[in-house]
Protein backbone atom coordinates (compact mmCIF):
# COMPACT_ATOMS: atom_id res chain seq x y z
CA UNK A 1 -139.75 55.01 25.05
CA UNK A 2 -140.11 52.12 28.51
CA UNK A 3 -140.65 48.94 25.98
CA UNK A 4 -137.46 50.61 23.98
CA UNK A 5 -135.25 50.97 27.28
CA UNK A 6 -136.32 47.27 28.15
CA UNK A 7 -134.87 46.03 24.88
CA UNK A 8 -131.81 47.62 25.35
CA UNK A 9 -131.42 46.67 28.65
CA UNK A 10 -131.70 43.11 28.06
CA UNK A 11 -129.35 43.54 24.64
CA UNK A 12 -126.92 44.39 27.69
CA UNK A 13 -127.44 41.77 30.33
CA UNK A 14 -127.09 38.86 27.30
CA UNK A 15 -123.47 40.79 26.71
CA UNK A 16 -122.79 40.76 29.88
CA UNK A 17 -124.13 36.90 30.14
CA UNK A 18 -121.89 36.31 27.42
CA UNK A 19 -119.25 37.80 28.47
CA UNK A 20 -118.82 36.04 31.73
CA UNK A 21 -119.22 32.60 30.34
CA UNK A 22 -116.72 33.79 27.70
CA UNK A 23 -114.17 34.01 30.94
CA UNK A 24 -114.82 31.16 32.38
CA UNK A 25 -114.99 28.89 29.58
CA UNK A 26 -111.25 30.17 29.23
CA UNK A 27 -110.55 29.42 33.26
CA UNK A 28 -112.25 26.24 33.10
CA UNK A 29 -110.53 25.05 29.71
CA UNK A 30 -106.97 26.79 30.09
CA UNK A 31 -105.62 24.25 33.34
CA UNK A 32 -102.94 22.99 34.47
CA UNK A 33 -102.10 20.40 33.81
CA UNK A 34 -98.53 17.77 34.77
CA UNK A 35 -97.18 15.46 31.62
CA UNK A 36 -94.85 12.91 32.60
CA UNK A 37 -92.86 11.72 29.61
CA UNK A 38 -90.72 7.98 29.36
CA UNK A 39 -88.65 7.98 26.11
CA UNK A 40 -88.14 4.78 24.47
CA UNK A 41 -85.27 2.80 25.62
CA UNK A 42 -81.69 2.90 23.79
CA UNK A 43 -82.24 5.07 21.98
CA UNK A 44 -78.77 5.83 20.98
CA UNK A 45 -79.55 9.97 21.59
CA UNK A 46 -77.81 11.59 24.49
CA UNK A 47 -80.00 12.78 27.18
CA UNK A 48 -80.76 16.42 26.34
CA UNK A 49 -81.42 15.71 23.02
CA UNK A 50 -84.20 13.60 24.34
CA UNK A 51 -85.49 16.71 26.59
CA UNK A 52 -85.46 18.55 23.35
CA UNK A 53 -87.22 15.81 21.41
CA UNK A 54 -89.91 16.14 24.36
CA UNK A 55 -90.03 19.50 24.23
CA UNK A 56 -90.88 19.68 20.70
CA UNK A 57 -93.97 17.98 21.46
CA UNK A 58 -95.31 21.13 23.43
CA UNK A 59 -93.99 22.99 20.64
CA UNK A 60 -95.93 21.26 18.59
CA UNK A 61 -99.22 21.08 19.94
CA UNK A 62 -98.65 24.74 20.61
CA UNK A 63 -98.37 25.82 17.35
CA UNK A 64 -101.36 23.52 16.43
CA UNK A 65 -103.49 25.75 19.32
CA UNK A 66 -101.34 28.75 18.88
CA UNK A 67 -100.43 28.54 22.84
CA UNK A 68 -96.71 30.21 22.90
CA UNK A 69 -94.65 27.83 25.37
CA UNK A 70 -91.73 29.87 27.44
CA UNK A 71 -90.66 29.60 31.28
CA UNK A 72 -93.44 30.54 32.37
CA UNK A 73 -96.31 28.17 31.21
CA UNK A 74 -94.15 25.23 30.85
CA UNK A 75 -91.32 24.06 33.04
CA UNK A 76 -89.66 20.38 33.80
CA UNK A 77 -89.55 19.88 36.71
CA UNK A 78 -88.08 17.00 37.18
CA UNK A 79 -85.26 15.06 35.36
CA UNK A 80 -85.29 10.93 36.52
CA UNK A 81 -82.50 9.75 34.03
CA UNK A 82 -83.17 5.93 33.83
CA UNK A 83 -85.72 4.61 36.78
CA UNK A 84 -87.68 2.23 37.50
CA UNK A 85 -84.79 -0.80 37.31
CA UNK A 86 -84.34 0.51 33.16
CA UNK A 87 -82.90 2.47 30.34
CA UNK A 88 -85.61 4.62 29.72
CA UNK A 89 -85.73 8.32 30.22
CA UNK A 90 -88.28 10.39 32.43
CA UNK A 91 -88.85 14.22 32.29
CA UNK A 92 -92.46 15.73 34.10
CA UNK A 93 -93.49 18.30 32.92
CA UNK A 94 -96.08 21.80 34.44
CA UNK A 95 -98.48 23.49 31.45
CA UNK A 96 -100.43 26.20 31.51
CA UNK A 97 -103.01 27.23 29.94
CA UNK A 98 -103.74 23.28 28.40
CA UNK A 99 -107.20 22.23 26.89
CA UNK A 100 -106.35 18.57 28.60
CA UNK A 101 -109.21 17.34 25.95
CA UNK A 102 -107.57 18.67 23.02
CA UNK A 103 -104.03 17.51 24.10
CA UNK A 104 -105.11 13.96 24.49
CA UNK A 105 -106.92 13.67 20.85
CA UNK A 106 -103.44 16.14 19.78
CA UNK A 107 -101.01 12.93 22.00
CA UNK A 108 -103.28 10.61 20.53
CA UNK A 109 -102.49 11.73 16.53
CA UNK A 110 -98.91 12.58 16.73
CA UNK A 111 -95.84 10.03 15.72
CA UNK A 112 -94.36 8.21 18.61
CA UNK A 113 -91.18 8.14 17.16
CA UNK A 114 -90.35 11.71 15.73
CA UNK A 115 -90.34 12.47 19.35
CA UNK A 116 -88.76 9.06 20.73
CA UNK A 117 -92.08 8.88 23.48
CA UNK A 118 -92.79 4.95 24.86
CA UNK A 119 -94.85 6.36 27.61
CA UNK A 120 -97.14 9.51 28.46
CA UNK A 121 -99.08 10.25 31.17
CA UNK A 122 -101.23 14.16 31.97
CA UNK A 123 -102.58 14.93 34.46
CA UNK A 124 -105.55 17.89 35.03
CA UNK A 125 -107.18 19.14 37.21
CA UNK A 126 -110.13 16.70 37.28
CA UNK A 127 -108.75 14.00 35.06
CA UNK A 128 -105.54 11.67 34.53
CA UNK A 129 -105.19 9.04 31.63
CA UNK A 130 -101.82 7.84 29.89
CA UNK A 131 -100.94 6.47 26.47
CA UNK A 132 -98.79 4.03 25.59
CA UNK A 133 -96.67 4.61 22.49
CA UNK A 134 -95.37 1.93 20.91
CA UNK A 135 -96.14 -0.91 19.09
CA UNK A 136 -96.29 -3.41 22.20
CA UNK A 137 -96.67 -2.38 25.86
CA UNK A 138 -96.37 -5.42 27.96
CA UNK A 139 -98.68 -4.34 30.38
CA UNK A 140 -97.36 -5.35 33.57
CA UNK A 141 -94.33 -2.79 32.52
CA UNK A 142 -96.95 0.14 31.12
CA UNK A 143 -99.50 -0.69 34.67
CA UNK A 144 -95.92 -0.67 36.66
CA UNK A 145 -95.39 3.12 35.10
CA UNK A 146 -98.73 4.16 36.01
CA UNK A 147 -98.50 3.17 39.31
CA UNK A 148 -95.12 4.36 40.24
CA UNK A 149 -95.69 7.22 38.75
CA UNK A 150 -99.43 7.72 40.52
CA UNK A 151 -98.20 6.95 43.93
CA UNK A 152 -95.14 8.91 44.48
CA UNK A 153 -96.74 11.70 42.74
CA UNK A 154 -93.53 12.21 40.65
């Protein structure tokens, strides 16, 4: 009798531990992500068309990872218009429930021309990364944009 009770108790403890680990894994992977997107220059598209292209990027990631983005988990924080002495259009988004590693691999697989992207800077809880999306990124411009984004926290 005591042996059976001990086996049942161990089984239940394993289930509780597994549930606890799954909950913690969800919160670790699904944190807040700040994404700054810079559009290519002279695309011939209006400002709102460019912002719609940026949203399409998030929707494509959502379709791939079964995330439904809405006003609560995806917010456009800032519209920069033309910034940094160029004609580039920038926007900053705040998204929730995104696994940063999956998002990084998604960004490395996309075609930049579909979303009119030139530069992407992503800041997660514990990491940040920047990706140049065009064929040739002058290092001075690339580093200048990255420095401006980090320094101004924009």
